[in-house]
Amino acid sequence: MASEKLIALFCVFVFSVSSFGYTFNDIPVEYWAGSGSNEAVVVIDFGADSYAFGYRWDSGTKNGKDLMDAVDLAGAMNYTQAAGFLNTISYGGYSNIGEGGWSADWWAYFTSTDGLNWTFSWDTAFSDRVLSNGSWDSWAHQTTEDYLPPAHSPTTPVPEPVTITLLGIGGLLLTKFRRVQNV
């Protein structure tokens, strides 16, 4: 009986903590570009997989395009733009995703303050989005011609400790149910 209460309390704790959002230390960042005391992250969501990339800077006004340029120059993620719009993104086996332009193959731009609750940024270009310390940006690949609202919001990469914890809880619950059935 006490173990059931402990498991229930632990589940409530895990799910309530996850509803507060993420910090940059909570997620698997592929790599960081730049240096400085300010940090921002961009999440690239290909639909099946999401990747987070970090950007650091010291002072001055920086925007979403500065973030993408720095991440592009620092590593293996590459992007192209045309007429001020992000056109394609390539990374991790995904090549030139989004090159369909304004068809059923495009990128939607989102911003967030916590990495969980995303706002579609339909009226602000990424070159106009002013970054602050702790900013979250995201590009989510869309495969529909319905532009407003986009078909899906970004998915922040799931931190591994949470995944392992949830698998452990599932295992404990299965063990408990088997014990009850054997009685």
N, C-alpha and C. Protein backbone atom coordinates (compact mmCIF):
# COMPACT_ATOMS: atom_id res chain seq x y z
N MET A 1 0.83 -1.20 0.00
CA MET A 1 0.00 0.00 0.00
C MET A 1 0.87 1.26 0.00
N ALA A 2 1.92 1.25 0.82
CA ALA A 2 2.80 2.41 0.89
C ALA A 2 3.53 2.62 -0.43
N SER A 3 3.89 1.49 -1.10
CA SER A 3 4.60 1.62 -2.38
C SER A 3 3.69 2.22 -3.45
N GLU A 4 2.39 1.90 -3.40
CA GLU A 4 1.45 2.48 -4.36
C GLU A 4 1.35 3.99 -4.18
N LYS A 5 1.32 4.44 -2.93
CA LYS A 5 1.25 5.88 -2.66
C LYS A 5 2.54 6.56 -3.11
N LEU A 6 3.67 5.91 -2.88
CA LEU A 6 4.95 6.47 -3.29
C LEU A 6 5.04 6.61 -4.81
N ILE A 7 4.59 5.58 -5.53
CA ILE A 7 4.59 5.63 -6.99
C ILE A 7 3.66 6.72 -7.49
N ALA A 8 2.48 6.83 -6.90
CA ALA A 8 1.53 7.87 -7.31
C ALA A 8 2.10 9.26 -7.06
N LEU A 9 2.71 9.45 -5.91
CA LEU A 9 3.31 10.74 -5.58
C LEU A 9 4.44 11.07 -6.54
N PHE A 10 5.26 10.08 -6.86
CA PHE A 10 6.37 10.29 -7.79
C PHE A 10 5.85 10.68 -9.18
N CYS A 11 4.78 10.01 -9.65
CA CYS A 11 4.19 10.33 -10.96
C CYS A 11 3.67 11.77 -10.98
N VAL A 12 2.99 12.17 -9.94
CA VAL A 12 2.49 13.55 -9.85
C VAL A 12 3.66 14.52 -9.90
N PHE A 13 4.72 14.24 -9.19
CA PHE A 13 5.90 15.11 -9.16
C PHE A 13 6.52 15.23 -10.55
N VAL A 14 6.74 14.08 -11.22
CA VAL A 14 7.39 14.10 -12.54
C VAL A 14 6.55 14.89 -13.53
N PHE A 15 5.24 14.65 -13.56
CA PHE A 15 4.41 15.34 -14.54
C PHE A 15 4.20 16.81 -14.20
N SER A 16 4.19 17.18 -12.93
CA SER A 16 4.04 18.59 -12.59
C SER A 16 5.32 19.36 -12.86
N VAL A 17 6.47 18.75 -12.65
CA VAL A 17 7.74 19.42 -12.94
C VAL A 17 7.88 19.64 -14.44
N SER A 18 7.48 18.66 -15.25
CA SER A 18 7.62 18.81 -16.69
C SER A 18 6.72 19.89 -17.26
N SER A 19 5.67 20.27 -16.56
CA SER A 19 4.77 21.30 -17.07
C SER A 19 5.33 22.71 -16.88
N PHE A 20 6.45 22.86 -16.17
CA PHE A 20 7.03 24.17 -15.96
C PHE A 20 7.93 24.61 -17.10
N GLY A 21 8.20 23.75 -18.05
CA GLY A 21 9.05 24.10 -19.17
C GLY A 21 10.45 23.57 -18.99
N TYR A 22 11.25 23.81 -20.01
CA TYR A 22 12.61 23.32 -20.02
C TYR A 22 13.60 24.46 -19.81
N THR A 23 14.78 24.11 -19.36
CA THR A 23 15.92 25.01 -19.43
C THR A 23 16.84 24.43 -20.49
N PHE A 24 17.82 25.19 -20.91
CA PHE A 24 18.73 24.70 -21.94
C PHE A 24 19.54 23.51 -21.44
N ASN A 25 19.72 23.39 -20.12
CA ASN A 25 20.45 22.25 -19.56
C ASN A 25 19.61 20.98 -19.57
N ASP A 26 18.29 21.11 -19.75
CA ASP A 26 17.40 19.96 -19.72
C ASP A 26 17.33 19.21 -21.04
N ILE A 27 17.77 19.82 -22.12
CA ILE A 27 17.59 19.23 -23.44
C ILE A 27 18.93 18.86 -24.06
N PRO A 28 18.93 17.89 -24.96
CA PRO A 28 20.17 17.54 -25.66
C PRO A 28 20.46 18.54 -26.78
N VAL A 29 21.39 19.46 -26.55
CA VAL A 29 21.78 20.45 -27.56
C VAL A 29 22.86 19.81 -28.44
N GLU A 30 22.66 19.82 -29.74
CA GLU A 30 23.61 19.20 -30.67
C GLU A 30 24.98 19.88 -30.57
N TYR A 31 25.01 21.21 -30.63
CA TYR A 31 26.24 21.96 -30.43
C TYR A 31 25.90 23.42 -30.20
N TRP A 32 26.87 24.15 -29.65
CA TRP A 32 26.72 25.58 -29.37
C TRP A 32 27.58 26.38 -30.34
N ALA A 33 27.05 27.50 -30.82
CA ALA A 33 27.77 28.42 -31.70
C ALA A 33 28.00 29.72 -30.93
N GLY A 34 29.15 30.34 -31.13
CA GLY A 34 29.45 31.61 -30.49
C GLY A 34 29.91 31.44 -29.05
N SER A 35 30.13 32.59 -28.41
CA SER A 35 30.53 32.60 -27.00
C SER A 35 29.95 33.84 -26.35
N GLY A 36 29.74 33.76 -25.06
CA GLY A 36 29.20 34.89 -24.33
C GLY A 36 28.27 34.45 -23.22
N SER A 37 27.74 35.43 -22.51
CA SER A 37 26.90 35.13 -21.35
C SER A 37 25.42 35.00 -21.69
N ASN A 38 24.99 35.45 -22.86
CA ASN A 38 23.60 35.31 -23.30
C ASN A 38 23.45 34.02 -24.11
N GLU A 39 22.32 33.34 -23.94
CA GLU A 39 22.08 32.09 -24.65
C GLU A 39 20.68 32.06 -25.25
N ALA A 40 20.60 31.47 -26.43
CA ALA A 40 19.31 31.20 -27.09
C ALA A 40 19.43 29.84 -27.76
N VAL A 41 18.30 29.20 -27.98
CA VAL A 41 18.27 27.89 -28.62
C VAL A 41 17.28 27.93 -29.77
N VAL A 42 17.65 27.24 -30.85
CA VAL A 42 16.71 27.02 -31.95
C VAL A 42 16.48 25.52 -32.06
N VAL A 43 15.20 25.12 -32.15
CA VAL A 43 14.81 23.73 -32.31
C VAL A 43 14.38 23.56 -33.77
N ILE A 44 15.02 22.61 -34.44
CA ILE A 44 14.66 22.28 -35.81
C ILE A 44 13.86 20.98 -35.77
N ASP A 45 12.59 21.06 -36.16
CA ASP A 45 11.68 19.91 -36.08
C ASP A 45 11.38 19.42 -37.49
N PHE A 46 11.96 18.26 -37.83
CA PHE A 46 11.74 17.67 -39.15
C PHE A 46 10.47 16.83 -39.20
N GLY A 47 9.73 16.76 -38.11
CA GLY A 47 8.52 15.94 -38.05
C GLY A 47 8.81 14.66 -37.30
N ALA A 48 9.68 13.82 -37.85
CA ALA A 48 10.04 12.57 -37.18
C ALA A 48 11.12 12.78 -36.11
N ASP A 49 11.99 13.75 -36.32
CA ASP A 49 13.08 14.03 -35.40
C ASP A 49 13.20 15.53 -35.16
N SER A 50 13.60 15.89 -33.94
CA SER A 50 13.86 17.29 -33.59
C SER A 50 15.28 17.40 -33.07
N TYR A 51 15.93 18.52 -33.38
CA TYR A 51 17.28 18.78 -32.93
C TYR A 51 17.34 20.21 -32.38
N ALA A 52 18.08 20.38 -31.28
CA ALA A 52 18.26 21.71 -30.68
C ALA A 52 19.70 22.16 -30.90
N PHE A 53 19.86 23.45 -31.20
CA PHE A 53 21.17 24.05 -31.41
C PHE A 53 21.24 25.32 -30.57
N GLY A 54 22.39 25.55 -29.94
CA GLY A 54 22.54 26.70 -29.06
C GLY A 54 23.33 27.82 -29.69
N TYR A 55 23.08 29.04 -29.21
CA TYR A 55 23.78 30.24 -29.68
C TYR A 55 24.11 31.09 -28.46
N ARG A 56 25.37 31.53 -28.38
CA ARG A 56 25.82 32.40 -27.28
C ARG A 56 26.39 33.69 -27.85
N TRP A 57 26.14 34.80 -27.12
CA TRP A 57 26.70 36.09 -27.51
C TRP A 57 26.82 36.95 -26.27
N ASP A 58 27.68 37.97 -26.35
CA ASP A 58 27.92 38.82 -25.18
C ASP A 58 27.02 40.05 -25.14
N SER A 59 27.10 40.88 -26.13
CA SER A 59 26.33 42.12 -26.07
C SER A 59 25.83 42.49 -27.46
N GLY A 60 25.03 43.52 -27.50
CA GLY A 60 24.48 43.97 -28.76
C GLY A 60 23.16 43.28 -29.05
N THR A 61 22.42 43.85 -29.98
CA THR A 61 21.13 43.30 -30.36
C THR A 61 21.34 42.18 -31.38
N LYS A 62 20.80 41.03 -31.07
CA LYS A 62 20.87 39.88 -31.98
C LYS A 62 19.46 39.44 -32.32
N ASN A 63 19.31 38.81 -33.49
CA ASN A 63 17.99 38.37 -33.92
C ASN A 63 18.01 36.90 -34.33
N GLY A 64 16.86 36.39 -34.73
CA GLY A 64 16.74 34.99 -35.12
C GLY A 64 17.61 34.61 -36.30
N LYS A 65 17.83 35.55 -37.21
CA LYS A 65 18.72 35.27 -38.35
C LYS A 65 20.16 35.16 -37.88
N ASP A 66 20.58 36.01 -36.93
CA ASP A 66 21.93 35.90 -36.37
C ASP A 66 22.13 34.51 -35.76
N LEU A 67 21.12 34.04 -35.05
CA LEU A 67 21.18 32.71 -34.44
C LEU A 67 21.37 31.64 -35.52
N MET A 68 20.54 31.66 -36.55
CA MET A 68 20.63 30.66 -37.62
C MET A 68 21.96 30.75 -38.36
N ASP A 69 22.43 31.97 -38.63
CA ASP A 69 23.72 32.15 -39.32
C ASP A 69 24.86 31.55 -38.49
N ALA A 70 24.88 31.82 -37.19
CA ALA A 70 25.95 31.34 -36.32
C ALA A 70 25.93 29.81 -36.24
N VAL A 71 24.75 29.23 -36.09
CA VAL A 71 24.63 27.77 -36.01
C VAL A 71 25.04 27.14 -37.33
N ASP A 72 24.65 27.75 -38.44
CA ASP A 72 25.02 27.27 -39.77
C ASP A 72 26.54 27.28 -39.93
N LEU A 73 27.19 28.37 -39.56
CA LEU A 73 28.64 28.50 -39.73
C LEU A 73 29.44 27.60 -38.79
N ALA A 74 28.88 27.28 -37.63
CA ALA A 74 29.64 26.56 -36.60
C ALA A 74 29.60 25.04 -36.74
N GLY A 75 28.70 24.50 -37.53
CA GLY A 75 28.59 23.04 -37.55
C GLY A 75 27.93 22.49 -38.78
N ALA A 76 27.26 21.37 -38.60
CA ALA A 76 26.73 20.58 -39.71
C ALA A 76 25.31 20.97 -40.13
N MET A 77 24.62 21.84 -39.37
CA MET A 77 23.29 22.27 -39.78
C MET A 77 23.44 23.39 -40.80
N ASN A 78 22.77 23.24 -41.93
CA ASN A 78 22.83 24.27 -42.98
C ASN A 78 21.43 24.70 -43.35
N TYR A 79 21.32 25.98 -43.70
CA TYR A 79 20.02 26.47 -44.17
C TYR A 79 20.23 27.42 -45.32
N THR A 80 19.20 27.59 -46.13
CA THR A 80 19.21 28.58 -47.20
C THR A 80 17.96 29.43 -47.05
N GLN A 81 18.03 30.62 -47.62
CA GLN A 81 16.86 31.49 -47.62
C GLN A 81 16.70 32.09 -49.00
N ALA A 82 15.49 32.50 -49.30
CA ALA A 82 15.18 33.14 -50.56
C ALA A 82 14.15 34.23 -50.30
N ALA A 83 14.43 35.42 -50.76
CA ALA A 83 13.51 36.57 -50.62
C ALA A 83 13.11 36.80 -49.16
N GLY A 84 14.06 36.59 -48.24
CA GLY A 84 13.79 36.83 -46.83
C GLY A 84 13.10 35.69 -46.10
N PHE A 85 12.74 34.64 -46.81
CA PHE A 85 12.10 33.48 -46.21
C PHE A 85 13.11 32.34 -46.08
N LEU A 86 13.02 31.61 -44.98
CA LEU A 86 13.83 30.42 -44.85
C LEU A 86 13.34 29.42 -45.89
N ASN A 87 14.26 28.87 -46.64
CA ASN A 87 13.88 27.98 -47.73
C ASN A 87 14.11 26.52 -47.40
N THR A 88 15.38 26.15 -47.09
CA THR A 88 15.69 24.75 -46.79
C THR A 88 16.54 24.64 -45.52
N ILE A 89 16.45 23.47 -44.88
CA ILE A 89 17.32 23.14 -43.76
C ILE A 89 17.81 21.70 -43.98
N SER A 90 19.10 21.49 -43.74
CA SER A 90 19.69 20.16 -43.84
C SER A 90 20.43 19.85 -42.55
N TYR A 91 20.21 18.63 -42.03
CA TYR A 91 20.95 18.16 -40.85
C TYR A 91 20.59 16.71 -40.56
N GLY A 92 21.55 15.97 -40.05
CA GLY A 92 21.30 14.62 -39.54
C GLY A 92 20.60 13.68 -40.51
N GLY A 93 21.01 13.67 -41.76
CA GLY A 93 20.38 12.79 -42.73
C GLY A 93 19.22 13.42 -43.48
N TYR A 94 18.77 14.58 -43.05
CA TYR A 94 17.73 15.32 -43.77
C TYR A 94 18.42 16.31 -44.68
N SER A 95 18.12 16.26 -45.97
CA SER A 95 18.81 17.09 -46.94
C SER A 95 17.84 17.99 -47.69
N ASN A 96 18.10 19.29 -47.61
CA ASN A 96 17.31 20.29 -48.33
C ASN A 96 15.81 20.16 -48.10
N ILE A 97 15.44 19.90 -46.86
CA ILE A 97 14.03 19.79 -46.52
C ILE A 97 13.40 21.18 -46.61
N GLY A 98 12.30 21.28 -47.32
CA GLY A 98 11.59 22.55 -47.47
C GLY A 98 11.78 23.19 -48.82
N GLU A 99 12.48 22.52 -49.73
CA GLU A 99 12.75 23.19 -51.00
C GLU A 99 11.55 23.26 -51.92
N GLY A 100 10.40 22.78 -51.48
CA GLY A 100 9.19 22.89 -52.27
C GLY A 100 8.63 24.31 -52.30
N GLY A 101 9.17 25.19 -51.42
CA GLY A 101 8.68 26.56 -51.38
C GLY A 101 7.27 26.62 -50.83
N TRP A 102 6.41 27.40 -51.45
CA TRP A 102 5.04 27.56 -50.96
C TRP A 102 4.15 26.47 -51.52
N SER A 103 4.47 25.26 -51.17
CA SER A 103 3.61 24.12 -51.50
C SER A 103 3.45 23.33 -50.21
N ALA A 104 3.27 22.05 -50.33
CA ALA A 104 3.10 21.22 -49.14
C ALA A 104 4.48 20.82 -48.60
N ASP A 105 5.42 21.73 -48.56
CA ASP A 105 6.77 21.45 -48.09
C ASP A 105 7.40 22.79 -47.69
N TRP A 106 7.12 23.23 -46.45
CA TRP A 106 7.57 24.55 -46.03
C TRP A 106 7.90 24.55 -44.54
N TRP A 107 8.50 25.63 -44.06
CA TRP A 107 8.92 25.76 -42.66
C TRP A 107 8.08 26.83 -41.96
N ALA A 108 7.54 26.51 -40.80
CA ALA A 108 6.81 27.48 -39.97
C ALA A 108 7.74 27.92 -38.84
N TYR A 109 7.73 29.20 -38.54
CA TYR A 109 8.61 29.80 -37.53
C TYR A 109 7.84 30.01 -36.24
N PHE A 110 8.40 29.55 -35.12
CA PHE A 110 7.77 29.66 -33.81
C PHE A 110 8.74 30.27 -32.81
N THR A 111 8.18 30.87 -31.76
CA THR A 111 8.98 31.36 -30.64
C THR A 111 8.36 30.86 -29.34
N SER A 112 9.19 30.83 -28.28
CA SER A 112 8.73 30.33 -26.99
C SER A 112 9.58 30.95 -25.89
N THR A 113 9.05 30.91 -24.69
CA THR A 113 9.82 31.36 -23.52
C THR A 113 10.26 30.17 -22.67
N ASP A 114 9.70 28.96 -22.95
CA ASP A 114 10.02 27.82 -22.10
C ASP A 114 10.30 26.52 -22.85
N GLY A 115 10.23 26.51 -24.17
CA GLY A 115 10.48 25.31 -24.93
C GLY A 115 9.31 24.33 -24.97
N LEU A 116 8.22 24.66 -24.31
CA LEU A 116 7.03 23.81 -24.32
C LEU A 116 5.85 24.46 -25.02
N ASN A 117 5.62 25.72 -24.73
CA ASN A 117 4.49 26.47 -25.27
C ASN A 117 4.98 27.35 -26.41
N TRP A 118 4.64 26.99 -27.62
CA TRP A 118 5.14 27.68 -28.81
C TRP A 118 4.08 28.59 -29.41
N THR A 119 4.53 29.73 -29.95
CA THR A 119 3.66 30.68 -30.63
C THR A 119 4.09 30.78 -32.08
N PHE A 120 3.16 30.54 -33.00
CA PHE A 120 3.45 30.67 -34.42
C PHE A 120 3.72 32.14 -34.72
N SER A 121 4.84 32.41 -35.33
CA SER A 121 5.27 33.79 -35.58
C SER A 121 4.97 34.15 -37.04
N TRP A 122 3.72 34.27 -37.36
CA TRP A 122 3.32 34.53 -38.74
C TRP A 122 3.55 35.98 -39.16
N ASP A 123 3.66 36.89 -38.20
CA ASP A 123 3.78 38.31 -38.56
C ASP A 123 5.16 38.90 -38.28
N THR A 124 6.13 38.06 -37.88
CA THR A 124 7.48 38.54 -37.60
C THR A 124 8.49 37.66 -38.31
N ALA A 125 9.29 38.28 -39.18
CA ALA A 125 10.35 37.54 -39.86
C ALA A 125 11.45 37.21 -38.85
N PHE A 126 12.18 36.12 -39.10
CA PHE A 126 13.21 35.75 -38.14
C PHE A 126 14.33 36.78 -38.08
N SER A 127 14.49 37.59 -39.11
CA SER A 127 15.49 38.66 -39.07
C SER A 127 15.01 39.84 -38.22
N ASP A 128 13.72 39.89 -37.91
CA ASP A 128 13.16 40.96 -37.07
C ASP A 128 12.92 40.51 -35.63
N ARG A 129 13.06 39.24 -35.35
CA ARG A 129 12.83 38.68 -34.02
C ARG A 129 14.05 39.00 -33.15
N VAL A 130 13.90 39.89 -32.18
CA VAL A 130 15.00 40.27 -31.29
C VAL A 130 15.16 39.21 -30.21
N LEU A 131 16.38 38.69 -30.10
CA LEU A 131 16.68 37.67 -29.10
C LEU A 131 16.98 38.30 -27.76
N SER A 132 16.65 37.58 -26.70
CA SER A 132 17.07 37.94 -25.36
C SER A 132 17.65 36.68 -24.72
N ASN A 133 18.35 36.85 -23.62
CA ASN A 133 18.91 35.70 -22.93
C ASN A 133 17.77 34.75 -22.55
N GLY A 134 17.86 33.49 -22.99
CA GLY A 134 16.82 32.52 -22.70
C GLY A 134 15.79 32.35 -23.81
N SER A 135 15.98 33.00 -24.95
CA SER A 135 15.03 32.88 -26.07
C SER A 135 15.03 31.48 -26.66
N TRP A 136 13.84 31.05 -27.08
CA TRP A 136 13.66 29.80 -27.81
C TRP A 136 13.06 30.13 -29.16
N ASP A 137 13.68 29.67 -30.24
CA ASP A 137 13.12 29.79 -31.58
C ASP A 137 12.97 28.38 -32.12
N SER A 138 12.12 28.22 -33.13
CA SER A 138 11.98 26.92 -33.74
C SER A 138 11.49 27.04 -35.18
N TRP A 139 11.93 26.09 -35.96
CA TRP A 139 11.42 25.90 -37.31
C TRP A 139 10.82 24.50 -37.37
N ALA A 140 9.55 24.42 -37.70
CA ALA A 140 8.85 23.14 -37.78
C ALA A 140 8.45 22.88 -39.23
N HIS A 141 8.90 21.75 -39.77
CA HIS A 141 8.61 21.40 -41.15
C HIS A 141 7.12 21.07 -41.29
N GLN A 142 6.51 21.62 -42.31
CA GLN A 142 5.08 21.44 -42.56
C GLN A 142 4.90 20.70 -43.89
N THR A 143 3.96 19.78 -43.91
CA THR A 143 3.70 19.03 -45.14
C THR A 143 2.23 19.16 -45.55
N THR A 144 1.71 20.35 -45.41
CA THR A 144 0.33 20.62 -45.81
C THR A 144 0.27 22.00 -46.45
N GLU A 145 -0.71 22.22 -47.28
CA GLU A 145 -0.87 23.54 -47.89
C GLU A 145 -1.72 24.47 -47.04
N ASP A 146 -2.19 23.99 -45.88
CA ASP A 146 -2.93 24.85 -44.95
C ASP A 146 -1.92 25.66 -44.17
N TYR A 147 -1.84 26.96 -44.43
CA TYR A 147 -0.80 27.79 -43.84
C TYR A 147 -1.16 28.34 -42.47
N LEU A 148 -2.40 28.65 -42.22
CA LEU A 148 -2.78 29.22 -40.94
C LEU A 148 -3.91 28.42 -40.32
N PRO A 149 -3.73 27.82 -39.20
CA PRO A 149 -2.45 27.68 -38.50
C PRO A 149 -1.64 26.54 -39.11
N PRO A 150 -0.35 26.49 -38.82
CA PRO A 150 0.46 25.36 -39.30
C PRO A 150 -0.09 24.04 -38.74
N ALA A 151 0.21 22.96 -39.42
CA ALA A 151 -0.32 21.65 -39.05
C ALA A 151 0.16 21.20 -37.68
N HIS A 152 1.40 21.53 -37.32
CA HIS A 152 1.89 21.12 -36.00
C HIS A 152 2.90 22.12 -35.46
N SER A 153 2.95 22.19 -34.14
CA SER A 153 3.93 23.01 -33.44
C SER A 153 5.20 22.20 -33.26
N PRO A 154 6.30 22.86 -32.95
CA PRO A 154 7.55 22.14 -32.76
C PRO A 154 7.51 21.19 -31.57
N THR A 155 8.34 20.19 -31.63
CA THR A 155 8.53 19.26 -30.53
C THR A 155 9.96 19.43 -30.04
N THR A 156 10.11 19.85 -28.80
CA THR A 156 11.43 19.99 -28.22
C THR A 156 11.98 18.59 -27.95
N PRO A 157 13.26 18.34 -28.27
CA PRO A 157 13.82 17.01 -27.98
C PRO A 157 13.61 16.65 -26.51
N VAL A 158 13.17 15.42 -26.25
CA VAL A 158 12.87 14.97 -24.89
C VAL A 158 14.16 14.68 -24.15
N PRO A 159 14.33 15.25 -22.97
CA PRO A 159 15.54 14.95 -22.19
C PRO A 159 15.58 13.48 -21.80
N GLU A 160 16.72 12.87 -21.90
CA GLU A 160 16.87 11.45 -21.61
C GLU A 160 16.48 11.06 -20.19
N PRO A 161 16.82 11.82 -19.15
CA PRO A 161 16.41 11.39 -17.81
C PRO A 161 14.90 11.24 -17.66
N VAL A 162 14.14 12.08 -18.33
CA VAL A 162 12.68 11.98 -18.25
C VAL A 162 12.22 10.69 -18.93
N THR A 163 12.79 10.38 -20.08
CA THR A 163 12.43 9.16 -20.80
C THR A 163 12.71 7.93 -19.94
N ILE A 164 13.89 7.89 -19.35
CA ILE A 164 14.27 6.75 -18.51
C ILE A 164 13.35 6.66 -17.29
N THR A 165 13.02 7.80 -16.70
CA THR A 165 12.12 7.81 -15.54
C THR A 165 10.75 7.27 -15.92
N LEU A 166 10.22 7.70 -17.05
CA LEU A 166 8.91 7.23 -17.48
C LEU A 166 8.92 5.73 -17.79
N LEU A 167 10.00 5.24 -18.39
CA LEU A 167 10.11 3.80 -18.64
C LEU A 167 10.17 3.04 -17.32
N GLY A 168 10.91 3.57 -16.34
CA GLY A 168 10.98 2.94 -15.02
C GLY A 168 9.63 2.88 -14.34
N ILE A 169 8.88 3.95 -14.42
CA ILE A 169 7.54 3.98 -13.81
C ILE A 169 6.65 2.95 -14.49
N GLY A 170 6.74 2.87 -15.81
CA GLY A 170 5.95 1.88 -16.54
C GLY A 170 6.29 0.46 -16.11
N GLY A 171 7.59 0.20 -15.94
CA GLY A 171 8.02 -1.12 -15.47
C GLY A 171 7.50 -1.43 -14.08
N LEU A 172 7.53 -0.45 -13.18
CA LEU A 172 7.01 -0.65 -11.83
C LEU A 172 5.51 -0.95 -11.85
N LEU A 173 4.79 -0.22 -12.67
CA LEU A 173 3.34 -0.43 -12.76
C LEU A 173 3.01 -1.81 -13.34
N LEU A 174 3.78 -2.24 -14.36
CA LEU A 174 3.55 -3.57 -14.92
C LEU A 174 3.81 -4.65 -13.87
N THR A 175 4.88 -4.50 -13.10
CA THR A 175 5.19 -5.45 -12.04
C THR A 175 4.06 -5.51 -11.03
N LYS A 176 3.56 -4.36 -10.64
CA LYS A 176 2.48 -4.27 -9.65
C LYS A 176 1.22 -4.97 -10.17
N PHE A 177 0.86 -4.72 -11.45
CA PHE A 177 -0.33 -5.34 -12.01
C PHE A 177 -0.18 -6.86 -12.11
N ARG A 178 1.01 -7.35 -12.42
CA ARG A 178 1.24 -8.79 -12.49
C ARG A 178 1.09 -9.43 -11.11
N ARG A 179 1.57 -8.74 -10.08
CA ARG A 179 1.44 -9.25 -8.70
C ARG A 179 -0.03 -9.35 -8.31
N VAL A 180 -0.81 -8.34 -8.70
CA VAL A 180 -2.23 -8.33 -8.35
C VAL A 180 -2.94 -9.48 -9.07
N GLN A 181 -2.59 -9.75 -10.34
CA GLN A 181 -3.23 -10.81 -11.10
C GLN A 181 -2.86 -12.19 -10.55
N ASN A 182 -1.66 -12.34 -9.99
CA ASN A 182 -1.21 -13.64 -9.47
C ASN A 182 -1.78 -13.96 -8.10
N VAL A 183 -2.41 -12.99 -7.45
CA VAL A 183 -2.95 -13.24 -6.11
C VAL A 183 -4.27 -13.91 -6.15
